[in-house]
C-alpha atoms as a PDB file:
ATOM      1  CA  UNK A   1       0.000   0.000   0.000  1.00  0.00           C
ATOM      2  CA  UNK A   2       2.836   2.391   0.838  1.00  0.00           C
ATOM      3  CA  UNK A   3       4.472   1.793  -2.557  1.00  0.00           C
ATOM      4  CA  UNK A   4       1.174   2.667  -4.239  1.00  0.00           C
ATOM      5  CA  UNK A   5       1.006   5.936  -2.311  1.00  0.00           C
ATOM      6  CA  UNK A   6       4.626   6.732  -3.200  1.00  0.00           C
ATOM      7  CA  UNK A   7       3.885   6.103  -6.876  1.00  0.00           C
ATOM      8  CA  UNK A   8       0.778   8.256  -6.701  1.00  0.00           C
ATOM      9  CA  UNK A   9       2.786  11.032  -5.077  1.00  0.00           C
ATOM     10  CA  UNK A  10       5.336  10.873  -7.896  1.00  0.00           C
ATOM     11  CA  UNK A  11       2.557  11.186 -10.477  1.00  0.00           C
ATOM     12  CA  UNK A  12       0.960  14.152  -8.705  1.00  0.00           C
ATOM     13  CA  UNK A  13       4.385  15.754  -8.278  1.00  0.00           C
ATOM     14  CA  UNK A  14       5.052  15.438 -12.012  1.00  0.00           C
ATOM     15  CA  UNK A  15       1.659  16.967 -12.791  1.00  0.00           C
ATOM     16  CA  UNK A  16       2.523  19.811 -10.411  1.00  0.00           C
ATOM     17  CA  UNK A  17       5.725  20.437 -12.343  1.00  0.00           C
ATOM     18  CA  UNK A  18       3.808  20.636 -15.616  1.00  0.00           C
ATOM     19  CA  UNK A  19       1.151  22.841 -14.025  1.00  0.00           C
ATOM     20  CA  UNK A  20       3.875  25.126 -12.707  1.00  0.00           C
ATOM     21  CA  UNK A  21       5.256  25.627 -16.204  1.00  0.00           C
ATOM     22  CA  UNK A  22       1.805  26.331 -17.632  1.00  0.00           C
ATOM     23  CA  UNK A  23       0.995  28.747 -14.813  1.00  0.00           C
ATOM     24  CA  UNK A  24       4.299  30.579 -15.215  1.00  0.00           C
ATOM     25  CA  UNK A  25       3.675  30.969 -18.936  1.00  0.00           C
ATOM     26  CA  UNK A  26       0.141  32.191 -18.312  1.00  0.00           C
ATOM     27  CA  UNK A  27       1.109  34.695 -15.640  1.00  0.00           C
ATOM     28  CA  UNK A  28       3.946  35.987 -17.787  1.00  0.00           C
ATOM     29  CA  UNK A  29       1.494  36.541 -20.621  1.00  0.00           C
ATOM     30  CA  UNK A  30      -0.735  38.604 -18.317  1.00  0.00           C
ATOM     31  CA  UNK A  31       1.815  41.450 -18.286  1.00  0.00           C
ATOM     32  CA  UNK A  32       0.328  44.751 -19.390  1.00  0.00           C
ATOM     33  CA  UNK A  33       3.070  45.699 -21.848  1.00  0.00           C
ATOM     34  CA  UNK A  34       3.033  43.893 -25.180  1.00  0.00           C
ATOM     35  CA  UNK A  35       6.806  43.504 -25.454  1.00  0.00           C
ATOM     36  CA  UNK A  36       7.221  42.084 -21.949  1.00  0.00           C
ATOM     37  CA  UNK A  37       4.168  39.878 -22.346  1.00  0.00           C
ATOM     38  CA  UNK A  38       5.921  37.568 -24.790  1.00  0.00           C
ATOM     39  CA  UNK A  39       9.319  37.731 -23.099  1.00  0.00           C
ATOM     40  CA  UNK A  40       7.866  36.752 -19.714  1.00  0.00           C
ATOM     41  CA  UNK A  41       5.516  34.113 -21.169  1.00  0.00           C
ATOM     42  CA  UNK A  42       8.521  32.297 -22.613  1.00  0.00           C
ATOM     43  CA  UNK A  43      11.196  33.365 -20.120  1.00  0.00           C
ATOM     44  CA  UNK A  44       9.555  32.427 -16.810  1.00  0.00           C
ATOM     45  CA  UNK A  45       8.908  28.770 -17.719  1.00  0.00           C
ATOM     46  CA  UNK A  46      12.314  28.566 -19.394  1.00  0.00           C
ATOM     47  CA  UNK A  47      14.099  29.742 -16.239  1.00  0.00           C
ATOM     48  CA  UNK A  48      12.092  27.257 -14.159  1.00  0.00           C
ATOM     49  CA  UNK A  49      12.974  24.411 -16.547  1.00  0.00           C
ATOM     50  CA  UNK A  50      16.663  25.297 -16.420  1.00  0.00           C
ATOM     51  CA  UNK A  51      16.709  25.433 -12.610  1.00  0.00           C
ATOM     52  CA  UNK A  52      14.700  22.225 -12.348  1.00  0.00           C
ATOM     53  CA  UNK A  53      16.831  20.427 -14.915  1.00  0.00           C
ATOM     54  CA  UNK A  54      20.133  21.360 -13.311  1.00  0.00           C
ATOM     55  CA  UNK A  55      19.347  21.006  -9.605  1.00  0.00           C
ATOM     56  CA  UNK A  56      16.191  18.929  -9.170  1.00  0.00           C
ATOM     57  CA  UNK A  57      15.917  16.420 -12.024  1.00  0.00           C
ATOM     58  CA  UNK A  58      16.429  12.785 -10.974  1.00  0.00           C
ATOM     59  CA  UNK A  59      19.213  12.146 -13.512  1.00  0.00           C
ATOM     60  CA  UNK A  60      20.992  15.474 -13.141  1.00  0.00           C
ATOM     61  CA  UNK A  61      24.721  15.500 -12.494  1.00  0.00           C
ATOM     62  CA  UNK A  62      24.309  18.432 -10.070  1.00  0.00           C
ATOM     63  CA  UNK A  63      21.215  17.198  -8.220  1.00  0.00           C
ATOM     64  CA  UNK A  64      20.936  18.771  -4.806  1.00  0.00           C
ATOM     65  CA  UNK A  65      20.706  16.690  -1.601  1.00  0.00           C
ATOM     66  CA  UNK A  66      17.217  16.168  -0.190  1.00  0.00           C
ATOM     67  CA  UNK A  67      16.786  19.132   2.174  1.00  0.00           C
ATOM     68  CA  UNK A  68      18.131  21.651  -0.359  1.00  0.00           C
ATOM     69  CA  UNK A  69      16.172  20.065  -3.183  1.00  0.00           C
ATOM     70  CA  UNK A  70      12.978  20.516  -1.182  1.00  0.00           C
ATOM     71  CA  UNK A  71      13.788  24.166  -0.489  1.00  0.00           C
ATOM     72  CA  UNK A  72      14.418  24.973  -4.163  1.00  0.00           C
ATOM     73  CA  UNK A  73      11.292  23.090  -5.269  1.00  0.00           C
ATOM     74  CA  UNK A  74       9.167  24.890  -2.673  1.00  0.00           C
ATOM     75  CA  UNK A  75      10.642  28.214  -3.780  1.00  0.00           C
ATOM     76  CA  UNK A  76       9.614  27.538  -7.394  1.00  0.00           C
ATOM     77  CA  UNK A  77       6.162  26.324  -6.358  1.00  0.00           C
ATOM     78  CA  UNK A  78       5.817  29.305  -4.006  1.00  0.00           C
ATOM     79  CA  UNK A  79       6.733  31.758  -6.747  1.00  0.00           C
ATOM     80  CA  UNK A  80       4.144  30.154  -9.008  1.00  0.00           C
ATOM     81  CA  UNK A  81       1.536  30.357  -6.254  1.00  0.00           C
ATOM     82  CA  UNK A  82       2.324  34.032  -5.705  1.00  0.00           C
ATOM     83  CA  UNK A  83       2.091  34.819  -9.414  1.00  0.00           C
ATOM     84  CA  UNK A  84      -1.245  33.005  -9.696  1.00  0.00           C
ATOM     85  CA  UNK A  85      -2.483  35.056  -6.759  1.00  0.00           C
ATOM     86  CA  UNK A  86      -1.254  38.267  -8.407  1.00  0.00           C
ATOM     87  CA  UNK A  87      -3.237  37.447 -11.562  1.00  0.00           C
ATOM     88  CA  UNK A  88      -6.459  37.281  -9.507  1.00  0.00           C
ATOM     89  CA  UNK A  89      -6.708  33.464  -9.466  1.00  0.00           C
ATOM     90  CA  UNK A  90      -7.080  33.217  -5.710  1.00  0.00           C
ATOM     91  CA  UNK A  91      -8.655  29.768  -5.431  1.00  0.00           C
ATOM     92  CA  UNK A  92      -6.307  28.249  -7.959  1.00  0.00           C
ATOM     93  CA  UNK A  93      -3.319  29.732  -6.130  1.00  0.00           C
ATOM     94  CA  UNK A  94      -4.500  28.328  -2.802  1.00  0.00           C
ATOM     95  CA  UNK A  95      -5.171  24.855  -4.222  1.00  0.00           C
ATOM     96  CA  UNK A  96      -1.878  24.810  -6.119  1.00  0.00           C
ATOM     97  CA  UNK A  97       0.070  25.943  -3.059  1.00  0.00           C
ATOM     98  CA  UNK A  98      -1.569  23.401  -0.759  1.00  0.00           C
ATOM     99  CA  UNK A  99      -1.102  20.495  -3.150  1.00  0.00           C
ATOM    100  CA  UNK A 100       2.530  21.533  -3.730  1.00  0.00           C
ATOM    101  CA  UNK A 101       3.235  21.697   0.014  1.00  0.00           C
ATOM    102  CA  UNK A 102       1.584  18.345   0.704  1.00  0.00           C
ATOM    103  CA  UNK A 103       3.300  16.645  -2.225  1.00  0.00           C
ATOM    104  CA  UNK A 104       6.691  18.114  -1.373  1.00  0.00           C
ATOM    105  CA  UNK A 105       6.238  17.201   2.292  1.00  0.00           C
ATOM    106  CA  UNK A 106       5.480  13.596   1.393  1.00  0.00           C
ATOM    107  CA  UNK A 107       8.394  13.476  -1.056  1.00  0.00           C
ATOM    108  CA  UNK A 108      10.701  14.803   1.667  1.00  0.00           C
ATOM    109  CA  UNK A 109       9.326  12.336   4.222  1.00  0.00           C
ATOM    110  CA  UNK A 110       9.725   9.384   1.857  1.00  0.00           C
ATOM    111  CA  UNK A 111      13.077  10.674   0.515  1.00  0.00           C
ATOM    112  CA  UNK A 112      11.858  10.684  -3.079  1.00  0.00           C
END
């Protein structure tokens, strides 16, 4: 049963990562200036992918140890939650933040 829950947590965590990228692209596109709209819509998810790929990806050469990995992941999820809140998506920001905290807490507890 525990292995099933760990697998489910990995699936939800992966969906959170994809949701984070979509939310970062969306919030970047909500900028009021046309020039910055496109730069931020592409740049914010790109920066998140680079950080995630270098420091958090399972097969990365520079993968951080567990406590630091959790801090960086929570910082990225927290930034996404804040940006969703800033774009007037209050409920979505709360749900995203809660699911991210729960998922990250379980991943930390199970050393995933």
